[in-house]
């Protein structure tokens, strides 16, 4: 989430809501959820974070990253670089 916090100059959220669990692999030995969606409420915006284990590539054909959705396109940023996808 650090890219989002830095990119939008956000501090602490006003509220956080999360849901998920061990849904994809309920009998394995992992102690963390394999499926989790979190909604952070900041002043002026909402930030959604999603964690899904075992599905391979995620949105925008990336294994991880951050997407900033705008009116004219989407900026996708990962630790390896960034890409602008026009609308």
Protein backbone atom coordinates (compact mmCIF):
# COMPACT_ATOMS: atom_id res chain seq x y z
CA UNK A 1 0.00 0.00 0.00
CA UNK A 2 2.97 2.33 0.26
CA UNK A 3 2.75 3.32 -3.42
CA UNK A 4 -0.88 4.37 -2.92
CA UNK A 5 -0.13 6.28 0.29
CA UNK A 6 2.80 8.05 -1.37
CA UNK A 7 1.03 8.68 -4.70
CA UNK A 8 -2.09 10.16 -3.14
CA UNK A 9 -0.31 11.76 -0.15
CA UNK A 10 -2.52 9.87 2.31
CA UNK A 11 -1.96 9.42 6.02
CA UNK A 12 -4.06 7.20 8.29
CA UNK A 13 -7.48 5.94 7.15
CA UNK A 14 -10.66 7.04 8.93
CA UNK A 15 -12.14 3.54 8.73
CA UNK A 16 -11.17 0.04 7.53
CA UNK A 17 -13.44 -2.86 6.53
CA UNK A 18 -12.16 -6.32 5.56
CA UNK A 19 -13.64 -9.64 4.52
CA UNK A 20 -12.20 -12.94 3.42
CA UNK A 21 -10.81 -16.13 4.86
CA UNK A 22 -9.37 -19.48 3.91
CA UNK A 23 -11.68 -20.03 0.96
CA UNK A 24 -9.48 -21.44 -1.81
CA UNK A 25 -7.37 -23.80 0.32
CA UNK A 26 -9.35 -24.37 3.56
CA UNK A 27 -7.43 -27.46 4.71
CA UNK A 28 -3.82 -26.38 4.12
CA UNK A 29 -1.43 -25.36 6.92
CA UNK A 30 -1.40 -21.61 6.16
CA UNK A 31 -2.43 -19.40 9.05
CA UNK A 32 -3.34 -16.38 6.94
CA UNK A 33 -6.36 -15.84 4.66
CA UNK A 34 -5.90 -16.97 1.06
CA UNK A 35 -8.66 -14.56 -0.03
CA UNK A 36 -8.98 -11.07 1.42
CA UNK A 37 -10.52 -7.77 0.31
CA UNK A 38 -9.99 -4.59 2.34
CA UNK A 39 -11.64 -1.18 1.90
CA UNK A 40 -9.84 1.82 3.43
CA UNK A 41 -11.73 5.08 3.84
CA UNK A 42 -9.56 8.21 3.67
CA UNK A 43 -10.61 11.84 3.56
CA UNK A 44 -11.66 12.33 -0.06
CA UNK A 45 -11.16 8.79 -1.40
CA UNK A 46 -11.59 5.07 -0.92
CA UNK A 47 -8.75 2.59 -1.44
CA UNK A 48 -9.44 -1.08 -2.18
CA UNK A 49 -6.82 -3.77 -1.54
CA UNK A 50 -7.24 -7.35 -2.68
CA UNK A 51 -5.17 -10.44 -1.85
CA UNK A 52 -5.87 -13.73 -3.58
CA UNK A 53 -3.48 -16.67 -3.26
CA UNK A 54 -3.04 -19.23 -6.00
CA UNK A 55 -4.62 -17.59 -9.06
CA UNK A 56 -1.40 -16.66 -10.86
CA UNK A 57 -1.51 -13.35 -12.69
CA UNK A 58 -3.79 -10.62 -11.40
CA UNK A 59 -5.41 -7.56 -12.97
CA UNK A 60 -3.56 -6.00 -15.91
CA UNK A 61 -1.61 -9.29 -16.23
CA UNK A 62 0.56 -8.39 -13.22
CA UNK A 63 1.37 -10.58 -10.24
CA UNK A 64 1.04 -7.58 -7.94
CA UNK A 65 0.78 -3.81 -8.15
CA UNK A 66 -1.28 -0.72 -7.73
CA UNK A 67 -3.80 0.80 -10.13
CA UNK A 68 -4.80 4.47 -10.11
CA UNK A 69 -8.05 4.82 -12.08
CA UNK A 70 -8.69 8.21 -13.68
CA UNK A 71 -11.09 9.74 -16.16
CA UNK A 72 -8.64 9.48 -19.07
CA UNK A 73 -6.93 6.20 -18.22
CA UNK A 74 -5.32 3.98 -15.62
CA UNK A 75 -1.81 4.12 -14.18
CA UNK A 76 -0.55 0.69 -13.13
CA UNK A 77 2.56 0.72 -10.91
CA UNK A 78 4.62 -2.22 -9.64
CA UNK A 79 8.07 -2.53 -8.07
CA UNK A 80 9.41 -3.18 -11.59
CA UNK A 81 7.95 -0.10 -13.28
CA UNK A 82 4.72 1.55 -14.40
CA UNK A 83 2.37 1.63 -17.38
CA UNK A 84 -0.39 4.01 -18.49
CA UNK A 85 -3.43 2.38 -20.08
CA UNK A 86 -5.63 4.91 -21.93
CA UNK A 87 -9.42 4.65 -21.58
